[in-house]
């Protein structure tokens, strides 16, 4: 979808985002990107992708069973999350690096690291507050809305630079990071779009007036991500790093850094540099 947008193929981009949304929901943020660009072809493509992604299995399963299973999935996975269901270990365990998981570990008495035979004998809690479920839900929702507003602000077209491949890459990187941060559950292996953010900042690090911020963001993210590996801190240390949200911190640093570059940088000069 991102490549299609960079090539001006909005209908194909929308269809790709729509099919992705059927598989993993959070690619639906791509529709917001298309709407900020006033790409109605992209919006139609998104609708076609969603409908096609839901109905395609009907060729094998039958329409009734496909719709029944889709409804059952929504009732189990989507609606409870949107309705603010009670958090369980599935959301609060240290491996969850989404905003929901990290904030729940810090702001409630949720279990951060569960007891296990080859680990701690008792479940570990790291919360420094114990917010009630309703209060926590509003705090989490407020942070998510702030993040979403920043994504919309950055994605909003800016004259002739709206079609710049550099801007499309940066906005696509923000999309991938927002998907991770806003999801109910984001584990390390969900970071398949992380190369977009690294590529954008690596390119920015070669340009004089963006070098400092890009280099700092890459360095901080590298340290945060490396802290969750056994090779650096050992098994228990890496679990602690995950419990405190090291990967989420790296995602936030990349998100804020890229957003700042896209908002404040003279992209015309950057594009001219990139083309040379």
C-alpha atoms as a PDB file:
ATOM      1  CA  UNK A   1       0.000   0.000   0.000  1.00  0.00           C
ATOM      2  CA  UNK A   2       2.800   2.410   0.839  1.00  0.00           C
ATOM      3  CA  UNK A   3       4.680   1.612  -2.365  1.00  0.00           C
ATOM      4  CA  UNK A   4       1.471   2.078  -4.359  1.00  0.00           C
ATOM      5  CA  UNK A   5       0.920   5.501  -2.785  1.00  0.00           C
ATOM      6  CA  UNK A   6       4.470   6.530  -3.623  1.00  0.00           C
ATOM      7  CA  UNK A   7       3.739   5.626  -7.255  1.00  0.00           C
ATOM      8  CA  UNK A   8       0.411   7.474  -7.334  1.00  0.00           C
ATOM      9  CA  UNK A   9      -1.726   4.318  -7.451  1.00  0.00           C
ATOM     10  CA  UNK A  10      -4.261   5.290  -4.803  1.00  0.00           C
ATOM     11  CA  UNK A  11      -6.847   2.646  -5.705  1.00  0.00           C
ATOM     12  CA  UNK A  12      -4.292  -0.147  -5.297  1.00  0.00           C
ATOM     13  CA  UNK A  13      -3.024   1.421  -2.073  1.00  0.00           C
ATOM     14  CA  UNK A  14      -6.523   1.542  -0.623  1.00  0.00           C
ATOM     15  CA  UNK A  15      -7.182  -2.075  -1.593  1.00  0.00           C
ATOM     16  CA  UNK A  16      -3.943  -3.177   0.085  1.00  0.00           C
ATOM     17  CA  UNK A  17      -4.797  -1.301   3.286  1.00  0.00           C
ATOM     18  CA  UNK A  18      -8.317  -2.759   3.211  1.00  0.00           C
ATOM     19  CA  UNK A  19      -7.103  -6.349   2.883  1.00  0.00           C
ATOM     20  CA  UNK A  20      -4.566  -5.670   5.655  1.00  0.00           C
ATOM     21  CA  UNK A  21      -7.335  -4.338   7.897  1.00  0.00           C
ATOM     22  CA  UNK A  22      -9.262  -7.599   7.459  1.00  0.00           C
ATOM     23  CA  UNK A  23      -6.188  -9.531   8.598  1.00  0.00           C
ATOM     24  CA  UNK A  24      -4.942  -7.333  11.449  1.00  0.00           C
ATOM     25  CA  UNK A  25      -7.398  -4.388  11.970  1.00  0.00           C
ATOM     26  CA  UNK A  26      -4.739  -1.722  12.647  1.00  0.00           C
ATOM     27  CA  UNK A  27      -3.874  -1.279   8.927  1.00  0.00           C
ATOM     28  CA  UNK A  28      -7.255   0.497   8.860  1.00  0.00           C
ATOM     29  CA  UNK A  29      -5.185   3.532   9.884  1.00  0.00           C
ATOM     30  CA  UNK A  30      -4.213   3.579   6.209  1.00  0.00           C
ATOM     31  CA  UNK A  31      -7.755   4.798   5.470  1.00  0.00           C
ATOM     32  CA  UNK A  32      -7.112   7.861   7.651  1.00  0.00           C
ATOM     33  CA  UNK A  33      -3.968   8.540   5.631  1.00  0.00           C
ATOM     34  CA  UNK A  34      -5.933   8.303   2.393  1.00  0.00           C
ATOM     35  CA  UNK A  35      -8.650  10.617   3.695  1.00  0.00           C
ATOM     36  CA  UNK A  36      -6.129  13.269   4.757  1.00  0.00           C
ATOM     37  CA  UNK A  37      -4.930  13.235   1.153  1.00  0.00           C
ATOM     38  CA  UNK A  38      -8.552  13.562  -0.041  1.00  0.00           C
ATOM     39  CA  UNK A  39      -7.992  10.423  -2.056  1.00  0.00           C
ATOM     40  CA  UNK A  40     -11.503   9.186  -2.803  1.00  0.00           C
ATOM     41  CA  UNK A  41     -10.123   6.566  -5.173  1.00  0.00           C
ATOM     42  CA  UNK A  42      -8.078   5.283  -2.276  1.00  0.00           C
ATOM     43  CA  UNK A  43     -11.140   5.203  -0.010  1.00  0.00           C
ATOM     44  CA  UNK A  44     -13.068   3.202  -2.625  1.00  0.00           C
ATOM     45  CA  UNK A  45     -10.100   0.868  -2.924  1.00  0.00           C
ATOM     46  CA  UNK A  46     -10.114   0.391   0.849  1.00  0.00           C
ATOM     47  CA  UNK A  47     -13.807  -0.533   0.797  1.00  0.00           C
ATOM     48  CA  UNK A  48     -13.214  -3.007  -2.013  1.00  0.00           C
ATOM     49  CA  UNK A  49     -10.284  -4.524  -0.115  1.00  0.00           C
ATOM     50  CA  UNK A  50     -12.345  -4.999   3.050  1.00  0.00           C
ATOM     51  CA  UNK A  51     -15.302  -6.521   1.233  1.00  0.00           C
ATOM     52  CA  UNK A  52     -13.082  -8.740  -0.878  1.00  0.00           C
ATOM     53  CA  UNK A  53     -10.992  -9.808   2.114  1.00  0.00           C
ATOM     54  CA  UNK A  54     -14.094 -10.856   4.056  1.00  0.00           C
ATOM     55  CA  UNK A  55     -15.964 -12.495   1.180  1.00  0.00           C
ATOM     56  CA  UNK A  56     -13.056 -14.307  -0.498  1.00  0.00           C
ATOM     57  CA  UNK A  57     -13.091 -17.186   2.043  1.00  0.00           C
ATOM     58  CA  UNK A  58     -16.797 -17.646   1.274  1.00  0.00           C
ATOM     59  CA  UNK A  59     -15.754 -19.401  -1.940  1.00  0.00           C
ATOM     60  CA  UNK A  60     -14.542 -22.291   0.249  1.00  0.00           C
ATOM     61  CA  UNK A  61     -16.451 -21.880   3.534  1.00  0.00           C
ATOM     62  CA  UNK A  62     -19.767 -20.559   2.279  1.00  0.00           C
ATOM     63  CA  UNK A  63     -21.158 -17.069   2.846  1.00  0.00           C
ATOM     64  CA  UNK A  64     -23.167 -17.914   5.959  1.00  0.00           C
ATOM     65  CA  UNK A  65     -20.284 -19.588   7.785  1.00  0.00           C
ATOM     66  CA  UNK A  66     -17.844 -16.832   6.752  1.00  0.00           C
ATOM     67  CA  UNK A  67     -20.085 -14.076   8.125  1.00  0.00           C
ATOM     68  CA  UNK A  68     -20.817 -16.101  11.265  1.00  0.00           C
ATOM     69  CA  UNK A  69     -17.115 -16.614  11.980  1.00  0.00           C
ATOM     70  CA  UNK A  70     -16.366 -12.948  11.267  1.00  0.00           C
ATOM     71  CA  UNK A  71     -19.072 -11.898  13.715  1.00  0.00           C
ATOM     72  CA  UNK A  72     -17.772 -14.330  16.365  1.00  0.00           C
ATOM     73  CA  UNK A  73     -14.242 -12.949  15.927  1.00  0.00           C
ATOM     74  CA  UNK A  74     -15.480  -9.369  16.340  1.00  0.00           C
ATOM     75  CA  UNK A  75     -17.415 -10.260  19.487  1.00  0.00           C
ATOM     76  CA  UNK A  76     -14.364 -11.956  21.013  1.00  0.00           C
ATOM     77  CA  UNK A  77     -11.515  -9.684  19.902  1.00  0.00           C
ATOM     78  CA  UNK A  78     -12.701  -6.295  18.674  1.00  0.00           C
ATOM     79  CA  UNK A  79     -15.819  -5.223  20.550  1.00  0.00           C
ATOM     80  CA  UNK A  80     -14.539  -6.051  24.069  1.00  0.00           C
ATOM     81  CA  UNK A  81     -11.375  -4.008  23.448  1.00  0.00           C
ATOM     82  CA  UNK A  82     -13.351  -1.042  22.146  1.00  0.00           C
ATOM     83  CA  UNK A  83     -15.761  -1.409  25.052  1.00  0.00           C
ATOM     84  CA  UNK A  84     -12.979  -1.359  27.653  1.00  0.00           C
ATOM     85  CA  UNK A  85     -13.082  -4.927  28.929  1.00  0.00           C
ATOM     86  CA  UNK A  86     -11.186  -5.875  32.084  1.00  0.00           C
ATOM     87  CA  UNK A  87      -7.490  -6.341  31.418  1.00  0.00           C
ATOM     88  CA  UNK A  88      -6.073  -9.842  31.691  1.00  0.00           C
ATOM     89  CA  UNK A  89      -2.558 -11.313  31.596  1.00  0.00           C
ATOM     90  CA  UNK A  90      -2.953 -11.551  27.820  1.00  0.00           C
ATOM     91  CA  UNK A  91      -2.777  -7.738  27.634  1.00  0.00           C
ATOM     92  CA  UNK A  92      -0.518  -6.905  30.601  1.00  0.00           C
ATOM     93  CA  UNK A  93       2.271  -9.514  30.352  1.00  0.00           C
ATOM     94  CA  UNK A  94       5.739  -8.089  29.719  1.00  0.00           C
ATOM     95  CA  UNK A  95       5.877  -9.298  26.131  1.00  0.00           C
ATOM     96  CA  UNK A  96       3.104  -6.852  25.151  1.00  0.00           C
ATOM     97  CA  UNK A  97       4.793  -3.646  23.958  1.00  0.00           C
ATOM     98  CA  UNK A  98       1.687  -1.726  22.875  1.00  0.00           C
ATOM     99  CA  UNK A  99       0.644   1.403  24.741  1.00  0.00           C
ATOM    100  CA  UNK A 100      -2.146  -0.575  26.384  1.00  0.00           C
ATOM    101  CA  UNK A 101       0.200  -3.189  27.814  1.00  0.00           C
ATOM    102  CA  UNK A 102       2.933  -0.794  28.946  1.00  0.00           C
ATOM    103  CA  UNK A 103       0.537   1.732  30.467  1.00  0.00           C
ATOM    104  CA  UNK A 104      -1.401  -1.034  32.225  1.00  0.00           C
ATOM    105  CA  UNK A 105       1.795  -2.318  33.845  1.00  0.00           C
ATOM    106  CA  UNK A 106       2.792   1.154  35.055  1.00  0.00           C
ATOM    107  CA  UNK A 107      -0.583   2.647  35.974  1.00  0.00           C
ATOM    108  CA  UNK A 108      -2.470  -0.325  37.439  1.00  0.00           C
ATOM    109  CA  UNK A 109      -1.723  -3.291  39.690  1.00  0.00           C
ATOM    110  CA  UNK A 110      -1.650  -5.612  36.686  1.00  0.00           C
ATOM    111  CA  UNK A 111       0.770  -8.542  36.486  1.00  0.00           C
ATOM    112  CA  UNK A 112       3.916  -7.531  34.596  1.00  0.00           C
ATOM    113  CA  UNK A 113       5.897 -10.798  34.707  1.00  0.00           C
ATOM    114  CA  UNK A 114       3.954 -13.952  35.593  1.00  0.00           C
ATOM    115  CA  UNK A 115       5.324 -16.644  37.880  1.00  0.00           C
ATOM    116  CA  UNK A 116       6.821 -19.584  36.019  1.00  0.00           C
ATOM    117  CA  UNK A 117       8.865 -22.690  36.849  1.00  0.00           C
ATOM    118  CA  UNK A 118      12.180 -21.344  35.497  1.00  0.00           C
ATOM    119  CA  UNK A 119      11.612 -17.754  36.563  1.00  0.00           C
ATOM    120  CA  UNK A 120      10.150 -15.795  39.482  1.00  0.00           C
ATOM    121  CA  UNK A 121       8.192 -17.900  41.958  1.00  0.00           C
ATOM    122  CA  UNK A 122       5.667 -15.079  42.375  1.00  0.00           C
ATOM    123  CA  UNK A 123       4.076 -12.798  39.810  1.00  0.00           C
ATOM    124  CA  UNK A 124       5.824  -9.425  39.558  1.00  0.00           C
ATOM    125  CA  UNK A 125       4.072  -6.054  39.596  1.00  0.00           C
ATOM    126  CA  UNK A 126       5.782  -2.780  38.662  1.00  0.00           C
ATOM    127  CA  UNK A 127       2.852  -0.358  38.838  1.00  0.00           C
ATOM    128  CA  UNK A 128       3.477   2.956  40.580  1.00  0.00           C
ATOM    129  CA  UNK A 129      -0.249   3.789  40.463  1.00  0.00           C
ATOM    130  CA  UNK A 130      -3.358   1.662  40.822  1.00  0.00           C
ATOM    131  CA  UNK A 131      -5.925   3.360  38.628  1.00  0.00           C
ATOM    132  CA  UNK A 132      -9.406   1.917  38.456  1.00  0.00           C
ATOM    133  CA  UNK A 133     -10.515   0.286  35.193  1.00  0.00           C
ATOM    134  CA  UNK A 134     -12.635   3.248  34.049  1.00  0.00           C
ATOM    135  CA  UNK A 135      -9.991   5.845  34.907  1.00  0.00           C
ATOM    136  CA  UNK A 136      -7.286   3.846  33.183  1.00  0.00           C
ATOM    137  CA  UNK A 137      -9.465   3.439  30.118  1.00  0.00           C
ATOM    138  CA  UNK A 138      -9.859   7.224  29.767  1.00  0.00           C
ATOM    139  CA  UNK A 139      -6.148   7.865  30.319  1.00  0.00           C
ATOM    140  CA  UNK A 140      -5.206   5.251  27.734  1.00  0.00           C
ATOM    141  CA  UNK A 141      -7.782   6.589  25.296  1.00  0.00           C
ATOM    142  CA  UNK A 142      -6.443  10.132  25.745  1.00  0.00           C
ATOM    143  CA  UNK A 143      -2.866   9.081  24.956  1.00  0.00           C
ATOM    144  CA  UNK A 144      -4.031   7.099  21.919  1.00  0.00           C
ATOM    145  CA  UNK A 145      -6.051  10.061  20.634  1.00  0.00           C
ATOM    146  CA  UNK A 146      -3.034  12.357  21.037  1.00  0.00           C
ATOM    147  CA  UNK A 147      -0.928   9.917  19.034  1.00  0.00           C
ATOM    148  CA  UNK A 148      -3.609   9.630  16.379  1.00  0.00           C
ATOM    149  CA  UNK A 149      -3.936  13.423  16.132  1.00  0.00           C
ATOM    150  CA  UNK A 150      -0.194  13.736  15.584  1.00  0.00           C
ATOM    151  CA  UNK A 151      -0.344  11.135  12.821  1.00  0.00           C
ATOM    152  CA  UNK A 152      -3.163  13.070  11.113  1.00  0.00           C
ATOM    153  CA  UNK A 153      -1.266  16.341  11.495  1.00  0.00           C
ATOM    154  CA  UNK A 154       1.858  14.886   9.920  1.00  0.00           C
ATOM    155  CA  UNK A 155      -0.031  13.046   7.171  1.00  0.00           C
ATOM    156  CA  UNK A 156      -1.949  16.156   6.126  1.00  0.00           C
ATOM    157  CA  UNK A 157      -0.867  17.255   2.596  1.00  0.00           C
ATOM    158  CA  UNK A 158       1.581  20.145   2.325  1.00  0.00           C
ATOM    159  CA  UNK A 159       1.617  21.588  -1.175  1.00  0.00           C
ATOM    160  CA  UNK A 160       3.930  20.067  -3.751  1.00  0.00           C
ATOM    161  CA  UNK A 161       5.684  17.925  -1.140  1.00  0.00           C
ATOM    162  CA  UNK A 162       2.603  15.739  -0.578  1.00  0.00           C
ATOM    163  CA  UNK A 163       3.741  13.359  -3.342  1.00  0.00           C
ATOM    164  CA  UNK A 164       7.431  13.335  -2.368  1.00  0.00           C
ATOM    165  CA  UNK A 165       8.676   9.732  -1.955  1.00  0.00           C
ATOM    166  CA  UNK A 166      10.590  10.973   1.090  1.00  0.00           C
ATOM    167  CA  UNK A 167       7.359  12.163   2.731  1.00  0.00           C
ATOM    168  CA  UNK A 168       5.477   9.009   1.732  1.00  0.00           C
ATOM    169  CA  UNK A 169       8.231   6.880   3.274  1.00  0.00           C
ATOM    170  CA  UNK A 170       8.166   8.913   6.494  1.00  0.00           C
ATOM    171  CA  UNK A 171       4.392   8.854   6.768  1.00  0.00           C
ATOM    172  CA  UNK A 172       4.385   5.134   6.001  1.00  0.00           C
ATOM    173  CA  UNK A 173       6.906   4.642   8.803  1.00  0.00           C
ATOM    174  CA  UNK A 174       4.597   6.553  11.162  1.00  0.00           C
ATOM    175  CA  UNK A 175       1.708   4.364  10.040  1.00  0.00           C
ATOM    176  CA  UNK A 176       3.653   1.216  10.913  1.00  0.00           C
ATOM    177  CA  UNK A 177       4.641   2.589  14.321  1.00  0.00           C
ATOM    178  CA  UNK A 178       1.111   3.800  15.084  1.00  0.00           C
ATOM    179  CA  UNK A 179      -0.211   0.330  14.288  1.00  0.00           C
ATOM    180  CA  UNK A 180       2.108  -1.110  16.941  1.00  0.00           C
ATOM    181  CA  UNK A 181       1.418   1.511  19.593  1.00  0.00           C
ATOM    182  CA  UNK A 182      -2.371   1.581  19.236  1.00  0.00           C
ATOM    183  CA  UNK A 183      -2.886  -2.165  19.004  1.00  0.00           C
ATOM    184  CA  UNK A 184      -4.239  -4.186  21.906  1.00  0.00           C
ATOM    185  CA  UNK A 185      -1.204  -6.463  21.712  1.00  0.00           C
ATOM    186  CA  UNK A 186       2.137  -5.782  20.018  1.00  0.00           C
ATOM    187  CA  UNK A 187       4.947  -8.274  20.460  1.00  0.00           C
ATOM    188  CA  UNK A 188       8.459  -7.920  19.113  1.00  0.00           C
ATOM    189  CA  UNK A 189       7.780 -10.100  16.104  1.00  0.00           C
ATOM    190  CA  UNK A 190       4.975  -7.714  15.066  1.00  0.00           C
ATOM    191  CA  UNK A 191       7.600  -5.081  14.153  1.00  0.00           C
ATOM    192  CA  UNK A 192       7.773  -6.134  10.511  1.00  0.00           C
ATOM    193  CA  UNK A 193       7.424  -2.515   9.278  1.00  0.00           C
ATOM    194  CA  UNK A 194      10.254  -1.216  11.467  1.00  0.00           C
ATOM    195  CA  UNK A 195      12.667  -1.074   8.477  1.00  0.00           C
ATOM    196  CA  UNK A 196      10.609   1.823   7.090  1.00  0.00           C
ATOM    197  CA  UNK A 197      11.397   3.977  10.123  1.00  0.00           C
ATOM    198  CA  UNK A 198      15.060   2.939  10.112  1.00  0.00           C
ATOM    199  CA  UNK A 199      15.379   3.677   6.388  1.00  0.00           C
ATOM    200  CA  UNK A 200      13.783   7.116   6.739  1.00  0.00           C
ATOM    201  CA  UNK A 201      15.978   8.146   9.674  1.00  0.00           C
ATOM    202  CA  UNK A 202      19.117   6.623   8.142  1.00  0.00           C
ATOM    203  CA  UNK A 203      18.527   8.803   5.088  1.00  0.00           C
ATOM    204  CA  UNK A 204      17.855  11.847   7.263  1.00  0.00           C
ATOM    205  CA  UNK A 205      21.095  11.163   9.140  1.00  0.00           C
ATOM    206  CA  UNK A 206      23.054  11.800   5.926  1.00  0.00           C
ATOM    207  CA  UNK A 207      21.638  15.340   5.578  1.00  0.00           C
ATOM    208  CA  UNK A 208      23.303  18.108   7.565  1.00  0.00           C
ATOM    209  CA  UNK A 209      20.292  19.911   9.022  1.00  0.00           C
ATOM    210  CA  UNK A 210      18.472  16.691  10.025  1.00  0.00           C
ATOM    211  CA  UNK A 211      21.512  14.637  11.073  1.00  0.00           C
ATOM    212  CA  UNK A 212      21.484  15.317  14.819  1.00  0.00           C
ATOM    213  CA  UNK A 213      17.832  14.460  15.496  1.00  0.00           C
ATOM    214  CA  UNK A 214      17.857  11.413  13.208  1.00  0.00           C
ATOM    215  CA  UNK A 215      21.050  10.046  14.777  1.00  0.00           C
ATOM    216  CA  UNK A 216      19.770  10.538  18.328  1.00  0.00           C
ATOM    217  CA  UNK A 217      16.490   8.777  17.521  1.00  0.00           C
ATOM    218  CA  UNK A 218      18.268   5.831  15.940  1.00  0.00           C
ATOM    219  CA  UNK A 219      20.711   5.522  18.840  1.00  0.00           C
ATOM    220  CA  UNK A 220      18.036   5.659  21.551  1.00  0.00           C
ATOM    221  CA  UNK A 221      15.846   3.159  19.697  1.00  0.00           C
ATOM    222  CA  UNK A 222      18.827   0.835  19.201  1.00  0.00           C
ATOM    223  CA  UNK A 223      19.611   0.842  22.927  1.00  0.00           C
ATOM    224  CA  UNK A 224      15.944   0.331  23.843  1.00  0.00           C
ATOM    225  CA  UNK A 225      15.485  -2.573  21.439  1.00  0.00           C
ATOM    226  CA  UNK A 226      18.810  -4.189  22.353  1.00  0.00           C
ATOM    227  CA  UNK A 227      17.837  -4.096  26.025  1.00  0.00           C
ATOM    228  CA  UNK A 228      15.159  -6.693  25.392  1.00  0.00           C
ATOM    229  CA  UNK A 229      17.627  -9.294  24.123  1.00  0.00           C
ATOM    230  CA  UNK A 230      19.087 -12.017  26.317  1.00  0.00           C
ATOM    231  CA  UNK A 231      22.587 -11.419  24.966  1.00  0.00           C
ATOM    232  CA  UNK A 232      22.831  -7.967  26.565  1.00  0.00           C
ATOM    233  CA  UNK A 233      21.010  -8.223  29.899  1.00  0.00           C
ATOM    234  CA  UNK A 234      20.397 -11.931  30.289  1.00  0.00           C
ATOM    235  CA  UNK A 235      17.028 -13.662  30.489  1.00  0.00           C
ATOM    236  CA  UNK A 236      15.754 -11.906  33.629  1.00  0.00           C
ATOM    237  CA  UNK A 237      17.139  -8.506  32.673  1.00  0.00           C
ATOM    238  CA  UNK A 238      15.560  -8.656  29.233  1.00  0.00           C
ATOM    239  CA  UNK A 239      12.215  -9.586  30.802  1.00  0.00           C
ATOM    240  CA  UNK A 240      12.490  -6.543  33.073  1.00  0.00           C
ATOM    241  CA  UNK A 241      13.319  -4.325  30.109  1.00  0.00           C
ATOM    242  CA  UNK A 242      10.212  -5.582  28.336  1.00  0.00           C
ATOM    243  CA  UNK A 243       8.118  -5.149  31.478  1.00  0.00           C
ATOM    244  CA  UNK A 244       9.098  -1.484  31.713  1.00  0.00           C
ATOM    245  CA  UNK A 245       8.344  -1.054  28.002  1.00  0.00           C
ATOM    246  CA  UNK A 246      11.724  -0.784  26.286  1.00  0.00           C
ATOM    247  CA  UNK A 247      10.366  -1.675  22.850  1.00  0.00           C
ATOM    248  CA  UNK A 248       7.429   0.684  23.288  1.00  0.00           C
ATOM    249  CA  UNK A 249       9.886   3.435  24.261  1.00  0.00           C
ATOM    250  CA  UNK A 250      11.887   2.790  21.097  1.00  0.00           C
ATOM    251  CA  UNK A 251       8.708   2.948  19.019  1.00  0.00           C
ATOM    252  CA  UNK A 252       7.689   6.242  20.633  1.00  0.00           C
ATOM    253  CA  UNK A 253      11.108   7.796  20.079  1.00  0.00           C
ATOM    254  CA  UNK A 254      11.030   6.826  16.407  1.00  0.00           C
ATOM    255  CA  UNK A 255       7.442   8.044  16.032  1.00  0.00           C
ATOM    256  CA  UNK A 256       8.082  11.429  17.639  1.00  0.00           C
ATOM    257  CA  UNK A 257      11.394  11.908  15.849  1.00  0.00           C
ATOM    258  CA  UNK A 258       9.998  11.139  12.406  1.00  0.00           C
ATOM    259  CA  UNK A 259       6.946  13.281  13.095  1.00  0.00           C
ATOM    260  CA  UNK A 260       9.152  16.192  14.113  1.00  0.00           C
ATOM    261  CA  UNK A 261      11.257  15.844  10.965  1.00  0.00           C
ATOM    262  CA  UNK A 262       8.219  15.742   8.695  1.00  0.00           C
ATOM    263  CA  UNK A 263       6.640  18.759  10.381  1.00  0.00           C
ATOM    264  CA  UNK A 264       9.691  20.998  10.744  1.00  0.00           C
ATOM    265  CA  UNK A 265      12.016  20.076   7.900  1.00  0.00           C
ATOM    266  CA  UNK A 266      12.146  21.921   4.585  1.00  0.00           C
ATOM    267  CA  UNK A 267      11.222  18.855   2.576  1.00  0.00           C
ATOM    268  CA  UNK A 268      11.892  20.597  -0.713  1.00  0.00           C
ATOM    269  CA  UNK A 269      15.569  20.923   0.238  1.00  0.00           C
ATOM    270  CA  UNK A 270      15.641  17.352   1.548  1.00  0.00           C
ATOM    271  CA  UNK A 271      14.073  16.040  -1.633  1.00  0.00           C
ATOM    272  CA  UNK A 272      16.531  17.927  -3.783  1.00  0.00           C
ATOM    273  CA  UNK A 273      19.390  16.479  -1.717  1.00  0.00           C
ATOM    274  CA  UNK A 274      17.938  12.981  -2.014  1.00  0.00           C
ATOM    275  CA  UNK A 275      17.576  13.279  -5.774  1.00  0.00           C
ATOM    276  CA  UNK A 276      21.245  14.200  -6.131  1.00  0.00           C
END
